C-alpha atoms as a PDB file:
ATOM      1  CA  MET A   1      39.999  34.825  -3.279  1.00  0.00           C
ATOM      2  CA  LYS A   2      37.538  34.314  -0.353  1.00  0.00           C
ATOM      3  CA  LYS A   3      34.675  36.367  -1.520  1.00  0.00           C
ATOM      4  CA  ILE A   4      33.958  33.755  -3.991  1.00  0.00           C
ATOM      5  CA  ALA A   5      34.660  30.689  -1.679  1.00  0.00           C
ATOM      6  CA  ASP A   6      32.023  32.455   0.353  1.00  0.00           C
ATOM      7  CA  LYS A   7      29.708  32.891  -2.105  1.00  0.00           C
ATOM      8  CA  LEU A   8      30.045  29.257  -3.176  1.00  0.00           C
ATOM      9  CA  SER A   9      29.463  28.235   0.250  1.00  0.00           C
ATOM     10  CA  ASN A  10      26.282  29.806   0.407  1.00  0.00           C
ATOM     11  CA  LEU A  11      25.142  29.013  -3.060  1.00  0.00           C
ATOM     12  CA  GLU A  12      25.920  25.219  -2.023  1.00  0.00           C
ATOM     13  CA  LYS A  13      23.782  26.108   1.140  1.00  0.00           C
ATOM     14  CA  ALA A  14      21.257  27.181  -0.920  1.00  0.00           C
ATOM     15  CA  PHE A  15      20.831  24.296  -3.170  1.00  0.00           C
ATOM     16  CA  GLU A  16      20.439  22.016  -0.712  1.00  0.00           C
ATOM     17  CA  SER A  17      17.626  23.975   0.605  1.00  0.00           C
ATOM     18  CA  LEU A  18      16.097  23.892  -2.855  1.00  0.00           C
ATOM     19  CA  GLU A  19      16.974  19.853  -3.094  1.00  0.00           C
ATOM     20  CA  LEU A  20      14.989  19.210   0.165  1.00  0.00           C
ATOM     21  CA  SER A  21      12.003  21.102  -0.560  1.00  0.00           C
ATOM     22  CA  VAL A  22      11.689  19.515  -4.122  1.00  0.00           C
ATOM     23  CA  ALA A  23      12.086  16.439  -2.406  1.00  0.00           C
ATOM     24  CA  THR A  24       8.443  16.290  -1.247  1.00  0.00           C
ATOM     25  CA  PRO A  25       5.552  17.021  -3.284  1.00  0.00           C
ATOM     26  CA  PRO A  26       3.733  20.194  -3.038  1.00  0.00           C
ATOM     27  CA  THR A  27       0.147  19.963  -1.273  1.00  0.00           C
ATOM     28  CA  GLU A  28      -0.404  23.356  -0.276  1.00  0.00           C
ATOM     29  CA  ASP A  29      -0.545  26.751  -1.631  1.00  0.00           C
ATOM     30  CA  ARG A  30       2.527  28.201   1.016  1.00  0.00           C
ATOM     31  CA  ASP A  31       4.617  24.602  -0.417  1.00  0.00           C
ATOM     32  CA  TYR A  32       4.674  26.309  -3.951  1.00  0.00           C
ATOM     33  CA  GLY A  33       5.663  29.639  -1.955  1.00  0.00           C
ATOM     34  CA  GLY A  34       8.194  27.761  -0.498  1.00  0.00           C
ATOM     35  CA  ILE A  35       9.655  25.804  -3.562  1.00  0.00           C
ATOM     36  CA  ILE A  36       9.412  29.159  -5.566  1.00  0.00           C
ATOM     37  CA  GLN A  37      11.707  31.042  -3.365  1.00  0.00           C
ATOM     38  CA  ALA A  38      14.410  28.583  -2.828  1.00  0.00           C
ATOM     39  CA  PHE A  39      14.671  28.438  -6.974  1.00  0.00           C
ATOM     40  CA  VAL A  40      14.712  32.360  -6.813  1.00  0.00           C
ATOM     41  CA  SER A  41      17.386  32.384  -4.382  1.00  0.00           C
ATOM     42  CA  VAL A  42      19.509  29.960  -5.828  1.00  0.00           C
ATOM     43  CA  TYR A  43      19.142  31.918  -9.252  1.00  0.00           C
ATOM     44  CA  GLU A  44      20.260  35.040  -7.919  1.00  0.00           C
ATOM     45  CA  LEU A  45      23.307  33.156  -5.948  1.00  0.00           C
ATOM     46  CA  THR A  46      24.072  31.751  -8.836  1.00  0.00           C
ATOM     47  CA  TRP A  47      24.337  35.299 -11.301  1.00  0.00           C
ATOM     48  CA  LYS A  48      26.268  36.730  -8.186  1.00  0.00           C
ATOM     49  CA  THR A  49      28.526  33.673  -7.858  1.00  0.00           C
ATOM     50  CA  LEU A  50      29.613  33.492 -11.854  1.00  0.00           C
ATOM     51  CA  LYS A  51      29.739  37.499 -11.562  1.00  0.00           C
ATOM     52  CA  ALA A  52      32.462  37.576  -9.037  1.00  0.00           C
ATOM     53  CA  ILE A  53      34.208  34.413 -10.877  1.00  0.00           C
ATOM     54  CA  LEU A  54      34.090  36.421 -14.237  1.00  0.00           C
ATOM     55  CA  GLU A  55      35.102  39.752 -12.393  1.00  0.00           C
ATOM     56  CA  GLU A  56      38.208  37.561 -10.857  1.00  0.00           C
ATOM     57  CA  ASN A  57      39.494  36.747 -14.466  1.00  0.00           C
ATOM     58  CA  GLY A  58      38.945  40.259 -15.692  1.00  0.00           C
ATOM     59  CA  ILE A  59      35.202  39.817 -17.456  1.00  0.00           C
ATOM     60  CA  GLU A  60      33.070  42.656 -16.676  1.00  0.00           C
ATOM     61  CA  ALA A  61      29.126  41.903 -16.839  1.00  0.00           C
ATOM     62  CA  ALA A  62      26.184  43.600 -14.670  1.00  0.00           C
ATOM     63  CA  PHE A  63      23.134  42.459 -15.235  1.00  0.00           C
ATOM     64  CA  PRO A  64      22.210  38.371 -15.258  1.00  0.00           C
ATOM     65  CA  ARG A  65      21.743  38.168 -18.953  1.00  0.00           C
ATOM     66  CA  VAL A  66      25.305  39.277 -19.747  1.00  0.00           C
ATOM     67  CA  VAL A  67      26.456  36.844 -16.337  1.00  0.00           C
ATOM     68  CA  PHE A  68      25.154  33.940 -17.988  1.00  0.00           C
ATOM     69  CA  GLU A  69      26.438  34.719 -21.566  1.00  0.00           C
ATOM     70  CA  GLU A  70      30.037  35.858 -20.255  1.00  0.00           C
ATOM     71  CA  ALA A  71      29.963  32.365 -18.177  1.00  0.00           C
ATOM     72  CA  PHE A  72      28.872  29.881 -21.508  1.00  0.00           C
ATOM     73  CA  LYS A  73      31.671  32.043 -23.215  1.00  0.00           C
ATOM     74  CA  ALA A  74      34.244  31.388 -20.228  1.00  0.00           C
ATOM     75  CA  LYS A  75      32.886  27.796 -20.512  1.00  0.00           C
ATOM     76  CA  ILE A  76      32.138  27.842 -16.809  1.00  0.00           C
ATOM     77  CA  MET A  77      28.653  26.879 -17.525  1.00  0.00           C
ATOM     78  CA  GLU A  78      26.969  24.996 -20.251  1.00  0.00           C
ATOM     79  CA  GLY A  79      23.028  24.330 -20.878  1.00  0.00           C
ATOM     80  CA  ASN A  80      22.711  28.103 -22.729  1.00  0.00           C
ATOM     81  CA  SER A  81      19.010  26.920 -23.880  1.00  0.00           C
ATOM     82  CA  ILE A  82      17.936  25.821 -20.589  1.00  0.00           C
ATOM     83  CA  TRP A  83      19.364  28.821 -18.801  1.00  0.00           C
ATOM     84  CA  LYS A  84      17.043  30.866 -21.065  1.00  0.00           C
ATOM     85  CA  THR A  85      13.944  29.309 -19.537  1.00  0.00           C
ATOM     86  CA  ILE A  86      15.648  29.392 -16.039  1.00  0.00           C
ATOM     87  CA  ILE A  87      15.578  33.564 -16.739  1.00  0.00           C
ATOM     88  CA  GLU A  88      12.228  33.370 -17.946  1.00  0.00           C
ATOM     89  CA  ALA A  89      10.982  31.571 -15.178  1.00  0.00           C
ATOM     90  CA  ARG A  90      12.647  33.302 -12.251  1.00  0.00           C
ATOM     91  CA  ASN A  91      10.890  36.250 -14.249  1.00  0.00           C
ATOM     92  CA  LEU A  92       7.637  35.012 -13.476  1.00  0.00           C
ATOM     93  CA  SER A  93       8.262  33.981 -10.448  1.00  0.00           C
ATOM     94  CA  THR A  94       6.697  37.323  -9.234  1.00  0.00           C
ATOM     95  CA  HIS A  95       3.285  35.839 -10.239  1.00  0.00           C
ATOM     96  CA  THR A  96       2.850  32.866  -7.807  1.00  0.00           C
ATOM     97  CA  TYR A  97      -0.924  34.018  -6.918  1.00  0.00           C
ATOM     98  CA  ASP A  98      -1.754  32.018  -9.688  1.00  0.00           C
ATOM     99  CA  LYS A  99      -2.090  28.707  -8.470  1.00  0.00           C
ATOM    100  CA  LYS A 100      -1.541  26.945 -11.983  1.00  0.00           C
ATOM    101  CA  LEU A 101       1.166  28.872 -12.886  1.00  0.00           C
ATOM    102  CA  ALA A 102       2.857  28.197  -9.727  1.00  0.00           C
ATOM    103  CA  ALA A 103       2.438  24.308  -9.883  1.00  0.00           C
ATOM    104  CA  ASP A 104       4.063  24.180 -13.458  1.00  0.00           C
ATOM    105  CA  LEU A 105       6.599  26.586 -12.551  1.00  0.00           C
ATOM    106  CA  CYS A 106       7.453  24.055  -9.599  1.00  0.00           C
ATOM    107  CA  ALA A 107       6.952  20.938 -11.701  1.00  0.00           C
ATOM    108  CA  ARG A 108      10.153  22.559 -13.559  1.00  0.00           C
ATOM    109  CA  ILE A 109      12.128  23.688 -10.776  1.00  0.00           C
ATOM    110  CA  LYS A 110      12.142  19.577  -9.832  1.00  0.00           C
ATOM    111  CA  LYS A 111      12.777  18.104 -13.332  1.00  0.00           C
ATOM    112  CA  GLU A 112      14.428  20.369 -15.414  1.00  0.00           C
ATOM    113  CA  TYR A 113      16.204  23.132 -13.263  1.00  0.00           C
ATOM    114  CA  VAL A 114      17.620  21.128 -10.474  1.00  0.00           C
ATOM    115  CA  PRO A 115      19.893  18.811 -12.188  1.00  0.00           C
ATOM    116  CA  ILE A 116      21.205  22.402 -14.265  1.00  0.00           C
ATOM    117  CA  PHE A 117      21.763  23.925 -11.119  1.00  0.00           C
ATOM    118  CA  ARG A 118      23.941  21.226  -9.508  1.00  0.00           C
ATOM    119  CA  SER A 119      25.751  20.888 -12.784  1.00  0.00           C
ATOM    120  CA  THR A 120      26.526  24.651 -13.019  1.00  0.00           C
ATOM    121  CA  LEU A 121      27.471  24.450  -9.042  1.00  0.00           C
ATOM    122  CA  ILE A 122      29.802  21.521  -9.655  1.00  0.00           C
ATOM    123  CA  LYS A 123      31.086  23.634 -12.646  1.00  0.00           C
ATOM    124  CA  MET A 124      31.902  26.215 -10.939  1.00  0.00           C
ATOM    125  CA  LYS A 125      33.778  24.496  -8.293  1.00  0.00           C
ATOM    126  CA  LYS A 126      36.122  23.001 -10.164  1.00  0.00           C
ATOM    127  CA  TYR A 127      36.588  25.980 -12.618  1.00  0.00           C
ATOM    128  CA  ARG A 128      37.800  28.068  -9.534  1.00  0.00           C
ATOM    129  CA  MET A 129      40.568  24.702  -8.591  1.00  0.00           C
ATOM    130  CA  VAL A 130      42.103  24.972 -11.692  1.00  0.00           C
ATOM    131  CA  LYS A 131      42.480  28.545 -11.634  1.00  0.00           C
END
């Protein structure tokens, strides 16, 4: 389905932007803000793309947590425990005015979340190729 191919393409571009933003250590507040915004974009595109893939396979899921749960069941993605922390981090991302919280979140994004986003994107693309 073209719609899903477009979503995957947009997700891939957003992910590349996230990778670029974490490649250089943040030094200013705007660096933290940029990394967090890129993270939020990848998160949003990930769950919306997963939702479209699930719908294509007859699985309805309206909210991000439900989408992720159904995607785990369908074996489109893995890393359930890390995704729970990603969901929590997304909810905390609105508090980036707290410099310590922003710095901690950026460190987790680089170390933990970028690798799981990468593996999820790869799995989604493979899943689509098999279908």
